Structures are given as C-alpha cells and as structure tokens.
PDB file of N, CA and C in Angstrom:
ATOM      1  N   UNK A   1       0.788  -1.153   0.199  1.00  0.00           N
ATOM      2  CA  UNK A   1      -0.038  -0.281  -0.138  1.00  0.00           C
ATOM      3  C   UNK A   1       0.401   1.186   0.114  1.00  0.00           C
ATOM      4  N   UNK A   2       0.466   2.056  -0.965  1.00  0.00           N
ATOM      5  CA  UNK A   2       1.385   3.181  -0.724  1.00  0.00           C
ATOM      6  C   UNK A   2       0.724   4.655   0.033  1.00  0.00           C
ATOM      7  N   UNK A   3      -0.443   4.795   0.471  1.00  0.00           N
ATOM      8  CA  UNK A   3      -0.873   5.699   1.118  1.00  0.00           C
ATOM      9  C   UNK A   3      -0.692   6.048   2.794  1.00  0.00           C
ATOM     10  N   UNK A   4      -0.334   6.857   3.121  1.00  0.00           N
ATOM     11  CA  UNK A   4      -0.461   6.945   5.028  1.00  0.00           C
ATOM     12  C   UNK A   4      -1.443   6.188   5.294  1.00  0.00           C
ATOM     13  N   UNK A   5      -1.267   6.227   6.897  1.00  0.00           N
ATOM     14  CA  UNK A   5      -1.933   5.034   7.834  1.00  0.00           C
ATOM     15  C   UNK A   5      -3.026   6.107   7.953  1.00  0.00           C
ATOM     16  N   UNK A   6      -3.197   7.253   7.608  1.00  0.00           N
ATOM     17  CA  UNK A   6      -4.174   8.273   7.979  1.00  0.00           C
ATOM     18  C   UNK A   6      -5.112   7.829   6.565  1.00  0.00           C
ATOM     19  N   UNK A   7      -4.287   7.675   5.532  1.00  0.00           N
ATOM     20  CA  UNK A   7      -5.578   7.447   3.909  1.00  0.00           C
ATOM     21  C   UNK A   7      -6.157   6.509   4.080  1.00  0.00           C
ATOM     22  N   UNK A   8      -5.390   4.842   4.690  1.00  0.00           N
ATOM     23  CA  UNK A   8      -5.681   3.749   4.858  1.00  0.00           C
ATOM     24  C   UNK A   8      -7.236   4.079   5.599  1.00  0.00           C
ATOM     25  N   UNK A   9      -7.048   4.392   6.465  1.00  0.00           N
ATOM     26  CA  UNK A   9      -8.004   4.806   7.551  1.00  0.00           C
ATOM     27  C   UNK A   9      -9.684   5.492   6.571  1.00  0.00           C
ATOM     28  N   UNK A  10      -8.982   6.704   6.624  1.00  0.00           N
ATOM     29  CA  UNK A  10     -10.087   7.053   5.164  1.00  0.00           C
ATOM     30  C   UNK A  10     -10.432   5.954   4.403  1.00  0.00           C
ATOM     31  N   UNK A  11      -9.660   5.378   3.787  1.00  0.00           N
ATOM     32  CA  UNK A  11     -10.117   4.154   2.825  1.00  0.00           C
ATOM     33  C   UNK A  11     -11.223   3.172   3.235  1.00  0.00           C
ATOM     34  N   UNK A  12     -10.717   2.867   4.344  1.00  0.00           N
ATOM     35  CA  UNK A  12     -11.808   2.164   4.884  1.00  0.00           C
ATOM     36  C   UNK A  12     -12.682   2.598   5.322  1.00  0.00           C
ATOM     37  N   UNK A  13     -12.831   3.598   6.116  1.00  0.00           N
ATOM     38  CA  UNK A  13     -14.292   4.078   6.363  1.00  0.00           C
ATOM     39  C   UNK A  13     -15.138   4.345   5.058  1.00  0.00           C
ATOM     40  N   UNK A  14     -14.466   4.993   4.237  1.00  0.00           N
ATOM     41  CA  UNK A  14     -15.742   5.551   2.845  1.00  0.00           C
ATOM     42  C   UNK A  14     -15.906   3.611   2.133  1.00  0.00           C
ATOM     43  N   UNK A  15     -15.340   3.011   1.842  1.00  0.00           N
ATOM     44  CA  UNK A  15     -15.461   1.783   1.619  1.00  0.00           C
ATOM     45  C   UNK A  15     -16.013   0.677   2.243  1.00  0.00           C
ATOM     46  N   UNK A  16     -16.554   0.872   3.390  1.00  0.00           N
ATOM     47  CA  UNK A  16     -17.620   0.670   4.631  1.00  0.00           C
ATOM     48  C   UNK A  16     -19.057   1.656   5.184  1.00  0.00           C
ATOM     49  N   UNK A  17     -18.408   2.466   4.293  1.00  0.00           N
ATOM     50  CA  UNK A  17     -19.669   3.389   4.164  1.00  0.00           C
ATOM     51  C   UNK A  17     -20.367   4.189   5.700  1.00  0.00           C
ATOM     52  N   UNK A  18     -19.040   3.889   6.489  1.00  0.00           N
ATOM     53  CA  UNK A  18     -19.214   4.873   7.704  1.00  0.00           C
ATOM     54  C   UNK A  18     -18.851   6.498   7.582  1.00  0.00           C
ATOM     55  N   UNK A  19     -19.474   7.214   8.496  1.00  0.00           N
ATOM     56  CA  UNK A  19     -19.312   8.318   8.452  1.00  0.00           C
ATOM     57  C   UNK A  19     -18.166   9.268   9.378  1.00  0.00           C
ATOM     58  N   UNK A  20     -17.512  10.436   9.144  1.00  0.00           N
ATOM     59  CA  UNK A  20     -16.191  10.155  10.091  1.00  0.00           C
ATOM     60  C   UNK A  20     -16.883   9.970  11.566  1.00  0.00           C
ATOM     61  N   UNK A  21     -18.101  11.408  11.718  1.00  0.00           N
ATOM     62  CA  UNK A  21     -19.005  10.809  12.972  1.00  0.00           C
ATOM     63  C   UNK A  21     -19.003   9.395  13.649  1.00  0.00           C
ATOM     64  N   UNK A  22     -19.741   9.027  13.502  1.00  0.00           N
ATOM     65  CA  UNK A  22     -19.596   7.219  13.548  1.00  0.00           C
ATOM     66  C   UNK A  22     -17.950   6.481  13.703  1.00  0.00           C
ATOM     67  N   UNK A  23     -17.137   6.798  12.728  1.00  0.00           N
ATOM     68  CA  UNK A  23     -16.027   5.994  12.852  1.00  0.00           C
ATOM     69  C   UNK A  23     -15.139   6.895  14.372  1.00  0.00           C
ATOM     70  N   UNK A  24     -15.766   8.073  14.390  1.00  0.00           N
ATOM     71  CA  UNK A  24     -14.688   8.255  15.662  1.00  0.00           C
ATOM     72  C   UNK A  24     -15.727   7.645  16.906  1.00  0.00           C
ATOM     73  N   UNK A  25     -16.725   8.071  16.798  1.00  0.00           N
ATOM     74  CA  UNK A  25     -17.110   7.276  18.099  1.00  0.00           C
ATOM     75  C   UNK A  25     -17.367   6.213  18.373  1.00  0.00           C
ATOM     76  N   UNK A  26     -16.732   4.851  17.295  1.00  0.00           N
ATOM     77  CA  UNK A  26     -16.548   3.894  17.490  1.00  0.00           C
ATOM     78  C   UNK A  26     -14.833   4.018  18.326  1.00  0.00           C
ATOM     79  N   UNK A  27     -14.155   4.598  17.990  1.00  0.00           N
ATOM     80  CA  UNK A  27     -13.086   5.003  18.331  1.00  0.00           C
ATOM     81  C   UNK A  27     -13.003   5.221  19.555  1.00  0.00           C
ATOM     82  N   UNK A  28     -13.826   6.162  20.576  1.00  0.00           N
ATOM     83  CA  UNK A  28     -13.254   6.919  21.284  1.00  0.00           C
ATOM     84  C   UNK A  28     -12.580   8.158  21.017  1.00  0.00           C
ATOM     85  N   UNK A  29     -13.380   8.860  19.815  1.00  0.00           N
ATOM     86  CA  UNK A  29     -12.148   9.688  19.047  1.00  0.00           C
ATOM     87  C   UNK A  29     -13.148  11.205  18.805  1.00  0.00           C
ATOM     88  N   UNK A  30     -13.253  12.434  18.807  1.00  0.00           N
ATOM     89  CA  UNK A  30     -13.949  13.383  18.294  1.00  0.00           C
ATOM     90  C   UNK A  30     -13.770  13.386  17.300  1.00  0.00           C
ATOM     91  N   UNK A  31     -14.677  13.364  15.758  1.00  0.00           N
ATOM     92  CA  UNK A  31     -14.392  13.752  14.195  1.00  0.00           C
ATOM     93  C   UNK A  31     -13.159  14.579  14.079  1.00  0.00           C
ATOM     94  N   UNK A  32     -13.339  15.939  14.630  1.00  0.00           N
ATOM     95  CA  UNK A  32     -12.150  16.534  14.247  1.00  0.00           C
ATOM     96  C   UNK A  32     -10.928  16.072  14.964  1.00  0.00           C
ATOM     97  N   UNK A  33     -10.141  15.315  15.882  1.00  0.00           N
ATOM     98  CA  UNK A  33      -9.453  14.390  15.784  1.00  0.00           C
ATOM     99  C   UNK A  33      -9.240  13.612  14.568  1.00  0.00           C
ATOM    100  N   UNK A  34     -10.338  12.495  14.672  1.00  0.00           N
ATOM    101  CA  UNK A  34     -10.366  11.583  13.438  1.00  0.00           C
ATOM    102  C   UNK A  34      -9.474  12.374  11.732  1.00  0.00           C
ATOM    103  N   UNK A  35     -10.546  13.775  12.018  1.00  0.00           N
ATOM    104  CA  UNK A  35     -10.177  14.128  10.605  1.00  0.00           C
ATOM    105  C   UNK A  35      -8.762  14.459  10.228  1.00  0.00           C
ATOM    106  N   UNK A  36      -8.340  15.298  11.483  1.00  0.00           N
ATOM    107  CA  UNK A  36      -7.299  15.392  11.619  1.00  0.00           C
ATOM    108  C   UNK A  36      -6.037  14.125  11.369  1.00  0.00           C
ATOM    109  N   UNK A  37      -5.932  12.571  11.702  1.00  0.00           N
ATOM    110  CA  UNK A  37      -5.253  11.865  11.105  1.00  0.00           C
ATOM    111  C   UNK A  37      -5.283  11.304  10.225  1.00  0.00           C
ATOM    112  N   UNK A  38      -6.868  11.348   9.521  1.00  0.00           N
ATOM    113  CA  UNK A  38      -6.920  11.262   7.977  1.00  0.00           C
ATOM    114  C   UNK A  38      -6.148  12.023   6.701  1.00  0.00           C
ATOM    115  N   UNK A  39      -6.079  13.066   6.736  1.00  0.00           N
ATOM    116  CA  UNK A  39      -5.195  14.337   6.765  1.00  0.00           C
ATOM    117  C   UNK A  39      -3.609  14.244   6.880  1.00  0.00           C
ATOM    118  N   UNK A  40      -3.312  13.681   7.628  1.00  0.00           N
ATOM    119  CA  UNK A  40      -1.991  13.466   7.806  1.00  0.00           C
ATOM    120  C   UNK A  40      -1.388  14.297   9.168  1.00  0.00           C
ATOM    121  N   UNK A  41      -2.175  15.349   9.672  1.00  0.00           N
ATOM    122  CA  UNK A  41      -2.003  16.228  10.555  1.00  0.00           C
ATOM    123  C   UNK A  41      -1.480  15.872  12.067  1.00  0.00           C
ATOM    124  N   UNK A  42      -2.151  14.574  12.402  1.00  0.00           N
ATOM    125  CA  UNK A  42      -2.080  14.160  13.541  1.00  0.00           C
ATOM    126  C   UNK A  42      -1.715  12.379  13.542  1.00  0.00           C
ATOM    127  N   UNK A  43      -0.902  12.051  13.963  1.00  0.00           N
ATOM    128  CA  UNK A  43      -0.556  10.177  14.296  1.00  0.00           C
ATOM    129  C   UNK A  43      -1.942   9.405  15.257  1.00  0.00           C
ATOM    130  N   UNK A  44      -2.445   8.632  14.488  1.00  0.00           N
ATOM    131  CA  UNK A  44      -2.777   7.731  14.826  1.00  0.00           C
ATOM    132  C   UNK A  44      -2.403   6.862  16.109  1.00  0.00           C
ATOM    133  N   UNK A  45      -3.274   6.809  17.490  1.00  0.00           N
ATOM    134  CA  UNK A  45      -2.800   6.236  18.607  1.00  0.00           C
ATOM    135  C   UNK A  45      -2.890   4.634  18.320  1.00  0.00           C
ATOM    136  N   UNK A  46      -1.421   4.484  18.490  1.00  0.00           N
ATOM    137  CA  UNK A  46      -1.730   2.679  18.240  1.00  0.00           C
ATOM    138  C   UNK A  46      -2.193   1.749  19.465  1.00  0.00           C
ATOM    139  N   UNK A  47      -3.042   2.415  20.959  1.00  0.00           N
ATOM    140  CA  UNK A  47      -3.647   1.521  21.496  1.00  0.00           C
ATOM    141  C   UNK A  47      -4.874   1.178  21.112  1.00  0.00           C
ATOM    142  N   UNK A  48      -5.248   2.122  20.060  1.00  0.00           N
ATOM    143  CA  UNK A  48      -6.560   1.910  19.428  1.00  0.00           C
ATOM    144  C   UNK A  48      -6.668   1.239  18.313  1.00  0.00           C
ATOM    145  N   UNK A  49      -5.256   0.442  17.638  1.00  0.00           N
ATOM    146  CA  UNK A  49      -5.530  -0.740  16.579  1.00  0.00           C
ATOM    147  C   UNK A  49      -6.466  -1.884  16.741  1.00  0.00           C
ATOM    148  N   UNK A  50      -6.935  -2.547  18.020  1.00  0.00           N
ATOM    149  CA  UNK A  50      -7.381  -3.469  18.257  1.00  0.00           C
ATOM    150  C   UNK A  50      -8.340  -3.118  18.072  1.00  0.00           C
ATOM    151  N   UNK A  51      -9.177  -1.938  18.325  1.00  0.00           N
ATOM    152  CA  UNK A  51     -10.596  -1.614  18.229  1.00  0.00           C
ATOM    153  C   UNK A  51     -10.510  -1.177  16.777  1.00  0.00           C
ATOM    154  N   UNK A  52      -9.825  -0.701  16.017  1.00  0.00           N
ATOM    155  CA  UNK A  52      -9.547  -1.022  14.723  1.00  0.00           C
ATOM    156  C   UNK A  52      -9.916  -1.827  13.728  1.00  0.00           C
ATOM    157  N   UNK A  53      -9.324  -3.023  14.327  1.00  0.00           N
ATOM    158  CA  UNK A  53      -9.304  -3.843  13.593  1.00  0.00           C
ATOM    159  C   UNK A  53     -10.431  -4.740  13.694  1.00  0.00           C
ATOM    160  N   UNK A  54     -11.011  -4.633  14.645  1.00  0.00           N
ATOM    161  CA  UNK A  54     -12.336  -5.317  15.362  1.00  0.00           C
ATOM    162  C   UNK A  54     -13.765  -4.541  14.308  1.00  0.00           C
ATOM    163  N   UNK A  55     -13.507  -3.408  13.899  1.00  0.00           N
ATOM    164  CA  UNK A  55     -14.415  -2.289  13.627  1.00  0.00           C
ATOM    165  C   UNK A  55     -14.338  -2.797  12.254  1.00  0.00           C
ATOM    166  N   UNK A  56     -13.329  -2.936  11.455  1.00  0.00           N
ATOM    167  CA  UNK A  56     -13.724  -3.539   9.919  1.00  0.00           C
ATOM    168  C   UNK A  56     -12.810  -4.805   9.735  1.00  0.00           C
ATOM    169  N   UNK A  57     -12.862  -5.416  10.692  1.00  0.00           N
ATOM    170  CA  UNK A  57     -12.708  -6.778  10.949  1.00  0.00           C
ATOM    171  C   UNK A  57     -11.361  -8.016  10.054  1.00  0.00           C
ATOM    172  N   UNK A  58     -10.394  -6.704  10.475  1.00  0.00           N
ATOM    173  CA  UNK A  58      -9.259  -7.421   9.875  1.00  0.00           C
ATOM    174  C   UNK A  58      -8.375  -7.747  10.927  1.00  0.00           C
ATOM    175  N   UNK A  59      -6.877  -8.732  10.378  1.00  0.00           N
ATOM    176  CA  UNK A  59      -6.476  -9.242  11.139  1.00  0.00           C
ATOM    177  C   UNK A  59      -5.183  -8.551  12.155  1.00  0.00           C
ATOM    178  N   UNK A  60      -5.397  -8.489  13.354  1.00  0.00           N
ATOM    179  CA  UNK A  60      -4.622  -7.168  14.269  1.00  0.00           C
ATOM    180  C   UNK A  60      -3.365  -7.320  13.476  1.00  0.00           C
ATOM    181  N   UNK A  61      -2.425  -8.298  12.781  1.00  0.00           N
ATOM    182  CA  UNK A  61      -1.301  -8.386  12.609  1.00  0.00           C
ATOM    183  C   UNK A  61      -1.145  -7.315  11.422  1.00  0.00           C
ATOM    184  N   UNK A  62      -2.639  -7.734  10.523  1.00  0.00           N
ATOM    185  CA  UNK A  62      -2.295  -7.279   9.242  1.00  0.00           C
ATOM    186  C   UNK A  62      -2.564  -5.418   9.460  1.00  0.00           C
ATOM    187  N   UNK A  63      -3.389  -5.283  10.228  1.00  0.00           N
ATOM    188  CA  UNK A  63      -3.246  -3.578  10.325  1.00  0.00           C
ATOM    189  C   UNK A  63      -2.270  -3.596  10.886  1.00  0.00           C
ATOM    190  N   UNK A  64      -1.473  -3.929  12.101  1.00  0.00           N
ATOM    191  CA  UNK A  64      -0.299  -3.406  12.928  1.00  0.00           C
ATOM    192  C   UNK A  64       0.870  -3.415  11.807  1.00  0.00           C
ATOM    193  N   UNK A  65       0.996  -4.373  11.142  1.00  0.00           N
ATOM    194  CA  UNK A  65       2.262  -3.988   9.663  1.00  0.00           C
ATOM    195  C   UNK A  65       1.518  -2.785   8.922  1.00  0.00           C
ATOM    196  N   UNK A  66       0.703  -2.675   8.908  1.00  0.00           N
ATOM    197  CA  UNK A  66       0.151  -1.088   8.038  1.00  0.00           C
ATOM    198  C   UNK A  66       0.824  -0.188   8.670  1.00  0.00           C
ATOM    199  N   UNK A  67       0.274  -0.101  10.170  1.00  0.00           N
ATOM    200  CA  UNK A  67       0.477   0.935  10.806  1.00  0.00           C
ATOM    201  C   UNK A  67       2.376   1.424  10.914  1.00  0.00           C
ATOM    202  N   UNK A  68       2.864   0.309  11.907  1.00  0.00           N
ATOM    203  CA  UNK A  68       4.136   0.000  11.490  1.00  0.00           C
ATOM    204  C   UNK A  68       5.030   0.433  10.386  1.00  0.00           C
ATOM    205  N   UNK A  69       4.880  -0.113   9.219  1.00  0.00           N
ATOM    206  CA  UNK A  69       4.944   0.617   8.293  1.00  0.00           C
ATOM    207  C   UNK A  69       4.811   1.694   8.126  1.00  0.00           C
ATOM    208  N   UNK A  70       4.124   2.500   8.194  1.00  0.00           N
ATOM    209  CA  UNK A  70       3.632   3.867   7.794  1.00  0.00           C
ATOM    210  C   UNK A  70       5.036   4.702   8.704  1.00  0.00           C
ATOM    211  N   UNK A  71       4.954   4.571  10.373  1.00  0.00           N
ATOM    212  CA  UNK A  71       5.375   4.713  10.942  1.00  0.00           C
ATOM    213  C   UNK A  71       7.019   5.065  10.302  1.00  0.00           C
ATOM    214  N   UNK A  72       7.626   3.440   9.668  1.00  0.00           N
ATOM    215  CA  UNK A  72       8.400   3.415  10.003  1.00  0.00           C
ATOM    216  C   UNK A  72       8.659   4.496   8.617  1.00  0.00           C
ATOM    217  N   UNK A  73       8.569   4.870   7.426  1.00  0.00           N
ATOM    218  CA  UNK A  73       7.949   4.945   6.045  1.00  0.00           C
ATOM    219  C   UNK A  73       8.560   6.497   6.639  1.00  0.00           C
ATOM    220  N   UNK A  74       7.610   7.675   7.602  1.00  0.00           N
ATOM    221  CA  UNK A  74       7.358   8.647   7.483  1.00  0.00           C
ATOM    222  C   UNK A  74       8.623   9.019   8.653  1.00  0.00           C
ATOM    223  N   UNK A  75       9.590   8.158   9.062  1.00  0.00           N
ATOM    224  CA  UNK A  75      11.152   8.813   9.766  1.00  0.00           C
ATOM    225  C   UNK A  75      11.420   8.506   8.725  1.00  0.00           C
ATOM    226  N   UNK A  76      11.717   7.569   8.337  1.00  0.00           N
ATOM    227  CA  UNK A  76      12.773   7.746   7.190  1.00  0.00           C
ATOM    228  C   UNK A  76      12.687   8.935   6.389  1.00  0.00           C
ATOM    229  N   UNK A  77      11.490   9.179   5.584  1.00  0.00           N
ATOM    230  CA  UNK A  77      11.472  10.880   5.191  1.00  0.00           C
ATOM    231  C   UNK A  77      11.757  11.736   5.785  1.00  0.00           C
ATOM    232  N   UNK A  78      11.622  12.184   7.006  1.00  0.00           N
ATOM    233  CA  UNK A  78      11.761  12.864   7.727  1.00  0.00           C
ATOM    234  C   UNK A  78      13.366  13.216   7.957  1.00  0.00           C
ATOM    235  N   UNK A  79      14.160  11.885   7.699  1.00  0.00           N
ATOM    236  CA  UNK A  79      15.370  12.033   8.381  1.00  0.00           C
ATOM    237  C   UNK A  79      16.229  11.811   7.135  1.00  0.00           C
ATOM    238  N   UNK A  80      15.422  11.809   5.782  1.00  0.00           N
ATOM    239  CA  UNK A  80      15.840  11.708   4.389  1.00  0.00           C
ATOM    240  C   UNK A  80      17.052  11.076   4.221  1.00  0.00           C
ATOM    241  N   UNK A  81      16.569  10.030   4.627  1.00  0.00           N
ATOM    242  CA  UNK A  81      17.855   8.598   4.593  1.00  0.00           C
ATOM    243  C   UNK A  81      17.681   8.561   3.188  1.00  0.00           C
ATOM    244  N   UNK A  82      18.522   7.689   2.532  1.00  0.00           N
ATOM    245  CA  UNK A  82      18.972   7.126   1.547  1.00  0.00           C
ATOM    246  C   UNK A  82      17.980   5.623   1.312  1.00  0.00           C
ATOM    247  N   UNK A  83      18.134   5.220   0.162  1.00  0.00           N
ATOM    248  CA  UNK A  83      16.999   4.064   0.337  1.00  0.00           C
ATOM    249  C   UNK A  83      17.958   2.782   0.731  1.00  0.00           C
ATOM    250  N   UNK A  84      19.475   3.076   0.210  1.00  0.00           N
ATOM    251  CA  UNK A  84      20.333   1.884   1.320  1.00  0.00           C
ATOM    252  C   UNK A  84      19.921   1.378   2.513  1.00  0.00           C
ATOM    253  N   UNK A  85      19.379   2.732   3.050  1.00  0.00           N
ATOM    254  CA  UNK A  85      19.717   2.364   4.550  1.00  0.00           C
ATOM    255  C   UNK A  85      18.490   1.026   4.574  1.00  0.00           C
ATOM    256  N   UNK A  86      17.543   1.117   4.268  1.00  0.00           N
ATOM    257  CA  UNK A  86      16.741  -0.053   3.879  1.00  0.00           C
ATOM    258  C   UNK A  86      17.270  -1.193   4.490  1.00  0.00           C
ATOM    259  N   UNK A  87      18.331  -1.466   3.293  1.00  0.00           N
ATOM    260  CA  UNK A  87      19.138  -2.622   2.863  1.00  0.00           C
ATOM    261  C   UNK A  87      19.393  -2.832   4.256  1.00  0.00           C
ATOM    262  N   UNK A  88      20.715  -2.231   4.795  1.00  0.00           N
ATOM    263  CA  UNK A  88      20.791  -1.946   5.822  1.00  0.00           C
ATOM    264  C   UNK A  88      20.094  -2.441   7.066  1.00  0.00           C
ATOM    265  N   UNK A  89      19.156  -2.055   7.595  1.00  0.00           N
ATOM    266  CA  UNK A  89      18.140  -1.907   7.989  1.00  0.00           C
ATOM    267  C   UNK A  89      17.382  -3.402   7.946  1.00  0.00           C
ATOM    268  N   UNK A  90      16.770  -4.040   7.092  1.00  0.00           N
ATOM    269  CA  UNK A  90      16.571  -5.745   7.180  1.00  0.00           C
ATOM    270  C   UNK A  90      17.768  -6.492   7.325  1.00  0.00           C
ATOM    271  N   UNK A  91      18.925  -5.959   7.115  1.00  0.00           N
ATOM    272  CA  UNK A  91      19.863  -7.148   7.733  1.00  0.00           C
ATOM    273  C   UNK A  91      20.000  -6.761   8.834  1.00  0.00           C
ATOM    274  N   UNK A  92      20.119  -5.792   9.527  1.00  0.00           N
ATOM    275  CA  UNK A  92      19.878  -5.478  11.137  1.00  0.00           C
ATOM    276  C   UNK A  92      19.254  -6.563  11.798  1.00  0.00           C
ATOM    277  N   UNK A  93      17.709  -6.186  10.826  1.00  0.00           N
ATOM    278  CA  UNK A  93      16.443  -6.991  11.838  1.00  0.00           C
ATOM    279  C   UNK A  93      16.551  -8.407  11.437  1.00  0.00           C
ATOM    280  N   UNK A  94      17.091  -8.775  10.246  1.00  0.00           N
ATOM    281  CA  UNK A  94      17.301 -10.354  10.212  1.00  0.00           C
ATOM    282  C   UNK A  94      18.426 -10.972  11.265  1.00  0.00           C
ATOM    283  N   UNK A  95      19.148 -10.104  11.475  1.00  0.00           N
ATOM    284  CA  UNK A  95      20.596 -10.109  12.606  1.00  0.00           C
ATOM    285  C   UNK A  95      19.768 -10.766  13.791  1.00  0.00           C
ATOM    286  N   UNK A  96      19.097  -9.918  13.973  1.00  0.00           N
ATOM    287  CA  UNK A  96      18.805  -9.195  15.694  1.00  0.00           C
ATOM    288  C   UNK A  96      16.957 -10.597  16.114  1.00  0.00           C
ATOM    289  N   UNK A  97      17.244 -10.873  14.737  1.00  0.00           N
ATOM    290  CA  UNK A  97      15.366 -12.124  14.930  1.00  0.00           C
ATOM    291  C   UNK A  97      16.831 -13.657  15.130  1.00  0.00           C
ATOM    292  N   UNK A  98      17.991 -13.518  14.439  1.00  0.00           N
ATOM    293  CA  UNK A  98      19.111 -14.521  14.825  1.00  0.00           C
ATOM    294  C   UNK A  98      19.049 -14.670  16.262  1.00  0.00           C
ATOM    295  N   UNK A  99      19.395 -13.426  17.174  1.00  0.00           N
ATOM    296  CA  UNK A  99      19.558 -13.557  18.309  1.00  0.00           C
ATOM    297  C   UNK A  99      18.695 -14.155  19.370  1.00  0.00           C
ATOM    298  N   UNK A 100      17.178 -14.088  18.911  1.00  0.00           N
ATOM    299  CA  UNK A 100      16.545 -14.075  19.760  1.00  0.00           C
ATOM    300  C   UNK A 100      16.649 -16.049  20.042  1.00  0.00           C
ATOM    301  N   UNK A 101      16.978 -16.535  19.194  1.00  0.00           N
ATOM    302  CA  UNK A 101      16.997 -18.188  18.807  1.00  0.00           C
ATOM    303  C   UNK A 101      17.454 -18.859  19.713  1.00  0.00           C
TER     304      UNK A 101
END
C-alpha cells in the first residue's frame, strides 16, 4: 500500500460506508481528531489498533504491519535517509531475529 495510515483509515471508512462521526465515536475520538488523522496532521494512537481491526474485521497483525510500516516510512522521510538505509535495516533486523533463537 502506498497511502499513509491516515489515508488507509479513510479508505476503509468510506469503503464501509461509515461517516467520520460514526467511526470517530466507535474509536472514542471526536470527529475533528479523526479528520486530522486521516489528513496526516495527527498520528493515530497505537492503542486503538485493536478497536480499528475489530471495526473493519481485519487481522490485528495486518493492521499493525500497516501502522508500523507507515511510522517507519514517515521517520525515514523526515530524516531524509538514503534508500540504502532500508537494506541495512533489513539486515540488522534479520540479525536480531537470530539472537532471539
């Protein structure tokens, strides 16, 4: 997926026929904050991922992958990192997985 996590939420919301107000209420947010999340002006609170997964009947792991990948992409963008950084980071992640065993 190429969209931001906020755009992904908006896509899910509109695809499922939910208004901003209805989804915000289900997430215990006000509509203004959800609008800011969808428009990239505010970050989504990770603590609400399980609620979001339940609302849209998504696997928690799938949704967490979307959330984390967006956070990483945002950080890489803000730090103006090279594309080589991703290769090095993948290698380091693979190495860390071997340490767990």
